[in-house]
Amino acid sequence: MKKKIKYSDENIGEIEIVKDFLPKPEELVLRENTVKVTLNLSQSSVKFFKELAEKEGRQYQKLIRNLLDKYASHYSE
């Protein structure tokens, strides 16, 4: 059974707007030197990447890997 989310109208405190640094999905490119891992993803995320990969003529696993690579490189600078 899914838990119902309760929303409240209370102050959430200070917020910080983070600049969108991620590339558009179609800009993700292949990188080398990979390590095989097991990862559980939501069905909706996998569906998104599979549909995008089919449209772009690529493999969805490579799109996911490249997105994670971009994220990691942004925060390791």
N, C-alpha and C. Protein backbone atom coordinates (compact mmCIF):
# COMPACT_ATOMS: atom_id res chain seq x y z
N MET A 1 0.84 -1.18 0.00
CA MET A 1 0.00 0.00 0.00
C MET A 1 0.88 1.24 0.00
N LYS A 2 0.56 2.18 -0.85
CA LYS A 2 1.33 3.40 -0.98
C LYS A 2 0.93 4.40 0.10
N LYS A 3 1.92 5.03 0.74
CA LYS A 3 1.62 6.05 1.74
C LYS A 3 1.16 7.31 1.05
N LYS A 4 0.13 7.93 1.60
CA LYS A 4 -0.36 9.20 1.06
C LYS A 4 0.49 10.33 1.61
N ILE A 5 0.92 11.21 0.74
CA ILE A 5 1.74 12.35 1.14
C ILE A 5 0.83 13.44 1.68
N LYS A 6 1.17 13.96 2.86
CA LYS A 6 0.42 15.07 3.44
C LYS A 6 1.20 16.35 3.21
N TYR A 7 0.57 17.33 2.62
CA TYR A 7 1.19 18.62 2.38
C TYR A 7 0.69 19.61 3.42
N SER A 8 1.54 20.53 3.80
CA SER A 8 1.14 21.56 4.76
C SER A 8 1.48 22.92 4.18
N ASP A 9 0.90 23.93 4.80
CA ASP A 9 1.12 25.29 4.34
C ASP A 9 2.04 26.01 5.33
N GLU A 10 3.19 25.41 5.60
CA GLU A 10 4.10 26.00 6.55
C GLU A 10 5.34 26.53 5.85
N ASN A 11 6.08 27.36 6.52
CA ASN A 11 7.30 27.94 5.99
C ASN A 11 8.35 26.84 5.80
N ILE A 12 8.98 26.80 4.61
CA ILE A 12 9.99 25.78 4.35
C ILE A 12 11.40 26.29 4.61
N GLY A 13 11.52 27.53 5.01
CA GLY A 13 12.83 28.09 5.30
C GLY A 13 13.49 28.68 4.07
N GLU A 14 14.78 28.96 4.18
CA GLU A 14 15.51 29.55 3.06
C GLU A 14 15.66 28.55 1.93
N ILE A 15 15.58 29.05 0.72
CA ILE A 15 15.77 28.20 -0.44
C ILE A 15 16.95 28.71 -1.25
N GLU A 16 17.53 27.82 -2.02
CA GLU A 16 18.64 28.18 -2.88
C GLU A 16 18.31 27.72 -4.29
N ILE A 17 18.35 28.61 -5.23
CA ILE A 17 18.10 28.25 -6.62
C ILE A 17 19.41 27.73 -7.21
N VAL A 18 19.36 26.52 -7.73
CA VAL A 18 20.54 25.87 -8.28
C VAL A 18 20.47 25.96 -9.80
N LYS A 19 21.53 26.45 -10.40
CA LYS A 19 21.60 26.58 -11.85
C LYS A 19 21.52 25.19 -12.49
N ASP A 20 20.73 25.07 -13.53
CA ASP A 20 20.59 23.80 -14.23
C ASP A 20 21.87 23.55 -15.03
N PHE A 21 22.67 22.59 -14.57
CA PHE A 21 23.96 22.31 -15.19
C PHE A 21 23.93 21.06 -16.05
N LEU A 22 22.84 20.31 -15.99
CA LEU A 22 22.78 19.06 -16.74
C LEU A 22 22.50 19.32 -18.22
N PRO A 23 23.08 18.53 -19.09
CA PRO A 23 22.85 18.72 -20.53
C PRO A 23 21.46 18.21 -20.91
N LYS A 24 21.00 18.63 -22.07
CA LYS A 24 19.76 18.08 -22.61
C LYS A 24 20.00 16.59 -22.88
N PRO A 25 18.97 15.77 -22.78
CA PRO A 25 19.17 14.33 -23.01
C PRO A 25 19.86 14.00 -24.33
N GLU A 26 19.55 14.74 -25.37
CA GLU A 26 20.15 14.43 -26.67
C GLU A 26 21.62 14.84 -26.77
N GLU A 27 22.11 15.58 -25.77
CA GLU A 27 23.51 16.00 -25.77
C GLU A 27 24.42 15.01 -25.02
N LEU A 28 23.85 13.98 -24.42
CA LEU A 28 24.66 13.01 -23.68
C LEU A 28 25.49 12.20 -24.66
N VAL A 29 26.76 12.08 -24.40
CA VAL A 29 27.66 11.36 -25.30
C VAL A 29 28.32 10.19 -24.58
N LEU A 30 28.80 9.25 -25.34
CA LEU A 30 29.43 8.05 -24.79
C LEU A 30 30.79 8.34 -24.19
N ARG A 31 31.07 7.72 -23.04
CA ARG A 31 32.40 7.79 -22.43
C ARG A 31 32.94 6.38 -22.29
N GLU A 32 34.22 6.27 -22.13
CA GLU A 32 34.88 4.96 -22.02
C GLU A 32 35.18 4.62 -20.57
N ASN A 33 35.90 3.51 -20.34
CA ASN A 33 36.33 3.04 -19.02
C ASN A 33 35.16 2.90 -18.05
N THR A 34 34.35 1.90 -18.28
CA THR A 34 33.18 1.70 -17.44
C THR A 34 33.39 0.56 -16.44
N VAL A 35 32.58 0.57 -15.39
CA VAL A 35 32.56 -0.48 -14.39
C VAL A 35 31.12 -0.96 -14.30
N LYS A 36 30.91 -2.26 -14.34
CA LYS A 36 29.56 -2.80 -14.30
C LYS A 36 29.02 -2.76 -12.87
N VAL A 37 27.80 -2.23 -12.69
CA VAL A 37 27.14 -2.17 -11.39
C VAL A 37 25.69 -2.61 -11.55
N THR A 38 25.08 -2.96 -10.44
CA THR A 38 23.66 -3.27 -10.42
C THR A 38 22.95 -2.09 -9.77
N LEU A 39 21.87 -1.63 -10.40
CA LEU A 39 21.19 -0.44 -9.94
C LEU A 39 19.70 -0.61 -10.13
N ASN A 40 18.91 -0.37 -9.09
CA ASN A 40 17.45 -0.42 -9.21
C ASN A 40 16.93 0.98 -9.48
N LEU A 41 16.19 1.13 -10.57
CA LEU A 41 15.62 2.42 -10.97
C LEU A 41 14.11 2.31 -11.02
N SER A 42 13.44 3.45 -10.94
CA SER A 42 11.98 3.45 -11.05
C SER A 42 11.58 3.09 -12.48
N GLN A 43 10.42 2.50 -12.62
CA GLN A 43 9.92 2.13 -13.94
C GLN A 43 9.77 3.36 -14.83
N SER A 44 9.33 4.47 -14.25
CA SER A 44 9.13 5.68 -15.05
C SER A 44 10.45 6.22 -15.59
N SER A 45 11.52 6.13 -14.80
CA SER A 45 12.82 6.59 -15.27
C SER A 45 13.34 5.71 -16.41
N VAL A 46 13.22 4.41 -16.25
CA VAL A 46 13.68 3.50 -17.30
C VAL A 46 12.87 3.72 -18.57
N LYS A 47 11.57 3.91 -18.43
CA LYS A 47 10.71 4.16 -19.60
C LYS A 47 11.16 5.43 -20.32
N PHE A 48 11.43 6.49 -19.55
CA PHE A 48 11.90 7.74 -20.14
C PHE A 48 13.16 7.53 -20.97
N PHE A 49 14.17 6.86 -20.38
CA PHE A 49 15.43 6.66 -21.08
C PHE A 49 15.30 5.70 -22.26
N LYS A 50 14.46 4.69 -22.14
CA LYS A 50 14.25 3.78 -23.27
C LYS A 50 13.60 4.50 -24.44
N GLU A 51 12.59 5.33 -24.16
CA GLU A 51 11.93 6.08 -25.23
C GLU A 51 12.88 7.07 -25.89
N LEU A 52 13.67 7.74 -25.08
CA LEU A 52 14.64 8.69 -25.61
C LEU A 52 15.70 7.98 -26.44
N ALA A 53 16.18 6.86 -25.93
CA ALA A 53 17.21 6.10 -26.65
C ALA A 53 16.69 5.61 -28.00
N GLU A 54 15.45 5.16 -28.02
CA GLU A 54 14.88 4.70 -29.29
C GLU A 54 14.79 5.85 -30.29
N LYS A 55 14.35 7.00 -29.80
CA LYS A 55 14.22 8.18 -30.66
C LYS A 55 15.58 8.64 -31.18
N GLU A 56 16.61 8.55 -30.34
CA GLU A 56 17.95 9.01 -30.70
C GLU A 56 18.81 7.92 -31.35
N GLY A 57 18.32 6.68 -31.39
CA GLY A 57 19.08 5.59 -31.97
C GLY A 57 20.27 5.18 -31.12
N ARG A 58 20.10 5.22 -29.79
CA ARG A 58 21.18 4.88 -28.87
C ARG A 58 20.70 3.84 -27.88
N GLN A 59 21.60 3.38 -27.02
CA GLN A 59 21.25 2.44 -25.97
C GLN A 59 20.89 3.22 -24.71
N TYR A 60 19.79 2.83 -24.06
CA TYR A 60 19.35 3.60 -22.90
C TYR A 60 20.33 3.53 -21.74
N GLN A 61 21.05 2.41 -21.59
CA GLN A 61 22.03 2.31 -20.51
C GLN A 61 23.14 3.35 -20.66
N LYS A 62 23.54 3.60 -21.90
CA LYS A 62 24.59 4.60 -22.15
C LYS A 62 24.10 6.00 -21.82
N LEU A 63 22.83 6.29 -22.10
CA LEU A 63 22.28 7.60 -21.75
C LEU A 63 22.29 7.81 -20.24
N ILE A 64 21.88 6.78 -19.50
CA ILE A 64 21.88 6.87 -18.04
C ILE A 64 23.30 7.05 -17.52
N ARG A 65 24.24 6.26 -18.03
CA ARG A 65 25.63 6.36 -17.60
C ARG A 65 26.18 7.76 -17.87
N ASN A 66 25.91 8.30 -19.03
CA ASN A 66 26.44 9.61 -19.36
C ASN A 66 25.83 10.72 -18.51
N LEU A 67 24.57 10.59 -18.17
CA LEU A 67 23.94 11.55 -17.28
C LEU A 67 24.62 11.52 -15.91
N LEU A 68 24.85 10.33 -15.38
CA LEU A 68 25.53 10.20 -14.09
C LEU A 68 26.96 10.73 -14.17
N ASP A 69 27.66 10.48 -15.27
CA ASP A 69 29.02 11.00 -15.45
C ASP A 69 29.03 12.52 -15.40
N LYS A 70 28.08 13.16 -16.10
CA LYS A 70 28.00 14.62 -16.11
C LYS A 70 27.74 15.16 -14.70
N TYR A 71 26.82 14.51 -13.99
CA TYR A 71 26.49 14.92 -12.63
C TYR A 71 27.72 14.81 -11.72
N ALA A 72 28.38 13.67 -11.78
CA ALA A 72 29.56 13.44 -10.93
C ALA A 72 30.68 14.42 -11.27
N SER A 73 30.93 14.67 -12.54
CA SER A 73 32.02 15.57 -12.91
C SER A 73 31.71 17.01 -12.48
N HIS A 74 30.44 17.39 -12.47
CA HIS A 74 30.07 18.73 -12.05
C HIS A 74 30.39 18.95 -10.58
N TYR A 75 30.10 17.94 -9.75
CA TYR A 75 30.29 18.10 -8.32
C TYR A 75 31.69 17.70 -7.83
N SER A 76 32.51 17.15 -8.71
CA SER A 76 33.86 16.80 -8.28
C SER A 76 34.87 17.84 -8.74
N GLU A 77 34.43 18.92 -9.32
CA GLU A 77 35.34 19.99 -9.77
C GLU A 77 35.79 20.84 -8.62
